[in-house]
């Protein structure tokens, strides 16, 4: 760009001096997933509680390039399941993790049965 072209460039600072300390961050890859705030709001939980459940390994989350938690679309369903288990049964969080794993395994087995066309009363239990 020539000096003459720089002089003709429109002023985009609205008369203010540009801040030399401002840093713009451009995402190279679009960030996917739900934010912590949207998951917390959708589940009715406090964001700090959601963070704790992530730390305990009960809810899966990843971090975006800025370090913020990002959640899969299934996270609100998992949080609702945790709330129901916590309210309905006297379970601690370690037990809830075990129950969630068992429920997921049961779901996988039922899906496998549906794919094969077998009915549950056809399968011997012993």
C-alpha atoms as a PDB file:
ATOM      1  CA  UNK A   1       0.000   0.000   0.000  1.00  0.00           C
ATOM      2  CA  UNK A   2       1.437   3.331  -0.978  1.00  0.00           C
ATOM      3  CA  UNK A   3       1.504   6.290   1.429  1.00  0.00           C
ATOM      4  CA  UNK A   4      -1.092   8.026  -0.709  1.00  0.00           C
ATOM      5  CA  UNK A   5      -3.472   5.045  -0.434  1.00  0.00           C
ATOM      6  CA  UNK A   6      -2.981   5.000   3.361  1.00  0.00           C
ATOM      7  CA  UNK A   7      -3.989   8.660   3.568  1.00  0.00           C
ATOM      8  CA  UNK A   8      -7.164   7.986   1.569  1.00  0.00           C
ATOM      9  CA  UNK A   9      -8.189   5.039   3.714  1.00  0.00           C
ATOM     10  CA  UNK A  10     -11.379   5.828   5.660  1.00  0.00           C
ATOM     11  CA  UNK A  11     -11.091   6.355   9.406  1.00  0.00           C
ATOM     12  CA  UNK A  12     -12.662   3.353  11.147  1.00  0.00           C
ATOM     13  CA  UNK A  13     -11.875   4.491  14.700  1.00  0.00           C
ATOM     14  CA  UNK A  14     -14.726   7.052  14.870  1.00  0.00           C
ATOM     15  CA  UNK A  15     -12.334   9.866  15.687  1.00  0.00           C
ATOM     16  CA  UNK A  16     -10.665   7.975  18.543  1.00  0.00           C
ATOM     17  CA  UNK A  17      -7.063   7.011  18.657  1.00  0.00           C
ATOM     18  CA  UNK A  18      -6.740   3.270  18.121  1.00  0.00           C
ATOM     19  CA  UNK A  19      -5.853   1.360  21.260  1.00  0.00           C
ATOM     20  CA  UNK A  20      -2.392  -0.117  20.820  1.00  0.00           C
ATOM     21  CA  UNK A  21      -3.020  -2.760  23.495  1.00  0.00           C
ATOM     22  CA  UNK A  22      -6.174  -4.158  21.901  1.00  0.00           C
ATOM     23  CA  UNK A  23      -5.597  -7.589  20.416  1.00  0.00           C
ATOM     24  CA  UNK A  24      -8.008  -9.156  18.007  1.00  0.00           C
ATOM     25  CA  UNK A  25      -8.336 -12.909  18.027  1.00  0.00           C
ATOM     26  CA  UNK A  26      -9.588 -14.602  14.912  1.00  0.00           C
ATOM     27  CA  UNK A  27     -10.673 -18.216  15.187  1.00  0.00           C
ATOM     28  CA  UNK A  28      -9.025 -20.379  12.570  1.00  0.00           C
ATOM     29  CA  UNK A  29     -11.499 -23.163  13.224  1.00  0.00           C
ATOM     30  CA  UNK A  30     -15.081 -22.306  14.137  1.00  0.00           C
ATOM     31  CA  UNK A  31     -15.865 -23.178  17.734  1.00  0.00           C
ATOM     32  CA  UNK A  32     -18.547 -25.799  17.960  1.00  0.00           C
ATOM     33  CA  UNK A  33     -20.653 -26.846  20.884  1.00  0.00           C
ATOM     34  CA  UNK A  34     -22.579 -25.175  23.643  1.00  0.00           C
ATOM     35  CA  UNK A  35     -21.096 -22.636  26.016  1.00  0.00           C
ATOM     36  CA  UNK A  36     -21.005 -23.095  29.783  1.00  0.00           C
ATOM     37  CA  UNK A  37     -23.551 -20.314  30.252  1.00  0.00           C
ATOM     38  CA  UNK A  38     -26.066 -21.776  27.805  1.00  0.00           C
ATOM     39  CA  UNK A  39     -25.754 -25.278  29.287  1.00  0.00           C
ATOM     40  CA  UNK A  40     -26.113 -23.950  32.838  1.00  0.00           C
ATOM     41  CA  UNK A  41     -29.104 -21.803  31.907  1.00  0.00           C
ATOM     42  CA  UNK A  42     -30.761 -24.656  30.002  1.00  0.00           C
ATOM     43  CA  UNK A  43     -30.312 -27.108  32.855  1.00  0.00           C
ATOM     44  CA  UNK A  44     -31.210 -24.712  35.662  1.00  0.00           C
ATOM     45  CA  UNK A  45     -27.855 -25.281  37.352  1.00  0.00           C
ATOM     46  CA  UNK A  46     -25.302 -22.755  38.494  1.00  0.00           C
ATOM     47  CA  UNK A  47     -22.287 -22.575  36.147  1.00  0.00           C
ATOM     48  CA  UNK A  48     -19.944 -23.430  39.029  1.00  0.00           C
ATOM     49  CA  UNK A  49     -21.894 -26.642  39.667  1.00  0.00           C
ATOM     50  CA  UNK A  50     -21.586 -27.555  35.987  1.00  0.00           C
ATOM     51  CA  UNK A  51     -17.819 -26.938  36.230  1.00  0.00           C
ATOM     52  CA  UNK A  52     -17.649 -29.264  39.248  1.00  0.00           C
ATOM     53  CA  UNK A  53     -19.500 -32.001  37.388  1.00  0.00           C
ATOM     54  CA  UNK A  54     -17.028 -31.641  34.511  1.00  0.00           C
ATOM     55  CA  UNK A  55     -14.138 -31.905  36.969  1.00  0.00           C
ATOM     56  CA  UNK A  56     -15.677 -35.051  38.464  1.00  0.00           C
ATOM     57  CA  UNK A  57     -15.958 -36.543  34.980  1.00  0.00           C
ATOM     58  CA  UNK A  58     -19.754 -36.800  35.016  1.00  0.00           C
ATOM     59  CA  UNK A  59     -20.214 -34.440  32.054  1.00  0.00           C
ATOM     60  CA  UNK A  60     -17.955 -34.353  28.994  1.00  0.00           C
ATOM     61  CA  UNK A  61     -16.577 -31.006  27.879  1.00  0.00           C
ATOM     62  CA  UNK A  62     -13.726 -29.700  25.771  1.00  0.00           C
ATOM     63  CA  UNK A  63     -11.897 -26.404  25.845  1.00  0.00           C
ATOM     64  CA  UNK A  64     -11.863 -23.937  22.978  1.00  0.00           C
ATOM     65  CA  UNK A  65      -8.681 -22.049  21.987  1.00  0.00           C
ATOM     66  CA  UNK A  66      -9.475 -19.354  24.577  1.00  0.00           C
ATOM     67  CA  UNK A  67      -9.762 -21.972  27.349  1.00  0.00           C
ATOM     68  CA  UNK A  68     -13.555 -21.792  27.765  1.00  0.00           C
ATOM     69  CA  UNK A  69     -15.572 -24.956  28.279  1.00  0.00           C
ATOM     70  CA  UNK A  70     -17.574 -26.197  25.282  1.00  0.00           C
ATOM     71  CA  UNK A  71     -20.212 -28.904  25.593  1.00  0.00           C
ATOM     72  CA  UNK A  72     -21.755 -31.429  23.272  1.00  0.00           C
ATOM     73  CA  UNK A  73     -25.458 -31.128  22.453  1.00  0.00           C
ATOM     74  CA  UNK A  74     -26.155 -34.068  24.799  1.00  0.00           C
ATOM     75  CA  UNK A  75     -24.810 -32.252  27.889  1.00  0.00           C
ATOM     76  CA  UNK A  76     -28.169 -30.783  29.024  1.00  0.00           C
ATOM     77  CA  UNK A  77     -29.714 -34.255  28.859  1.00  0.00           C
ATOM     78  CA  UNK A  78     -26.849 -35.662  30.955  1.00  0.00           C
ATOM     79  CA  UNK A  79     -27.218 -32.852  33.491  1.00  0.00           C
ATOM     80  CA  UNK A  80     -30.964 -33.498  33.746  1.00  0.00           C
ATOM     81  CA  UNK A  81     -30.244 -37.184  34.328  1.00  0.00           C
ATOM     82  CA  UNK A  82     -27.764 -36.301  37.095  1.00  0.00           C
ATOM     83  CA  UNK A  83     -30.322 -34.007  38.734  1.00  0.00           C
ATOM     84  CA  UNK A  84     -32.992 -36.731  38.657  1.00  0.00           C
ATOM     85  CA  UNK A  85     -30.626 -39.339  40.134  1.00  0.00           C
ATOM     86  CA  UNK A  86     -29.435 -36.947  42.832  1.00  0.00           C
ATOM     87  CA  UNK A  87     -32.987 -35.935  43.787  1.00  0.00           C
ATOM     88  CA  UNK A  88     -34.556 -39.395  43.597  1.00  0.00           C
ATOM     89  CA  UNK A  89     -31.871 -41.584  45.135  1.00  0.00           C
ATOM     90  CA  UNK A  90     -29.475 -41.070  48.027  1.00  0.00           C
ATOM     91  CA  UNK A  91     -26.380 -41.329  45.787  1.00  0.00           C
ATOM     92  CA  UNK A  92     -23.068 -39.515  45.951  1.00  0.00           C
ATOM     93  CA  UNK A  93     -21.411 -38.290  42.767  1.00  0.00           C
ATOM     94  CA  UNK A  94     -19.169 -41.358  42.408  1.00  0.00           C
ATOM     95  CA  UNK A  95     -22.255 -43.573  42.523  1.00  0.00           C
ATOM     96  CA  UNK A  96     -24.023 -41.347  40.028  1.00  0.00           C
ATOM     97  CA  UNK A  97     -21.076 -41.820  37.648  1.00  0.00           C
ATOM     98  CA  UNK A  98     -21.448 -45.591  37.951  1.00  0.00           C
ATOM     99  CA  UNK A  99     -25.212 -45.433  37.377  1.00  0.00           C
ATOM    100  CA  UNK A 100     -24.711 -43.194  34.315  1.00  0.00           C
ATOM    101  CA  UNK A 101     -22.214 -45.679  32.872  1.00  0.00           C
ATOM    102  CA  UNK A 102     -24.634 -48.560  33.475  1.00  0.00           C
ATOM    103  CA  UNK A 103     -27.543 -46.676  31.901  1.00  0.00           C
ATOM    104  CA  UNK A 104     -25.397 -45.897  28.839  1.00  0.00           C
ATOM    105  CA  UNK A 105     -24.400 -49.570  28.556  1.00  0.00           C
ATOM    106  CA  UNK A 106     -28.041 -50.670  28.834  1.00  0.00           C
ATOM    107  CA  UNK A 107     -28.913 -48.215  26.052  1.00  0.00           C
ATOM    108  CA  UNK A 108     -26.182 -49.650  23.829  1.00  0.00           C
ATOM    109  CA  UNK A 109     -27.342 -53.213  24.456  1.00  0.00           C
ATOM    110  CA  UNK A 110     -30.972 -52.330  23.725  1.00  0.00           C
ATOM    111  CA  UNK A 111     -29.909 -50.612  20.482  1.00  0.00           C
ATOM    112  CA  UNK A 112     -27.933 -53.715  19.485  1.00  0.00           C
ATOM    113  CA  UNK A 113     -30.987 -55.876  20.155  1.00  0.00           C
ATOM    114  CA  UNK A 114     -33.153 -53.610  18.010  1.00  0.00           C
ATOM    115  CA  UNK A 115     -30.626 -53.750  15.145  1.00  0.00           C
ATOM    116  CA  UNK A 116     -30.583 -57.543  15.148  1.00  0.00           C
ATOM    117  CA  UNK A 117     -34.353 -57.745  15.318  1.00  0.00           C
ATOM    118  CA  UNK A 118     -34.252 -59.912  18.439  1.00  0.00           C
ATOM    119  CA  UNK A 119     -36.897 -59.456  21.068  1.00  0.00           C
ATOM    120  CA  UNK A 120     -35.883 -59.279  24.700  1.00  0.00           C
ATOM    121  CA  UNK A 121     -38.105 -62.267  25.618  1.00  0.00           C
ATOM    122  CA  UNK A 122     -36.256 -64.391  23.026  1.00  0.00           C
ATOM    123  CA  UNK A 123     -32.905 -63.879  24.717  1.00  0.00           C
ATOM    124  CA  UNK A 124     -32.206 -66.367  27.534  1.00  0.00           C
ATOM    125  CA  UNK A 125     -30.999 -64.776  30.753  1.00  0.00           C
ATOM    126  CA  UNK A 126     -29.022 -67.800  31.912  1.00  0.00           C
END
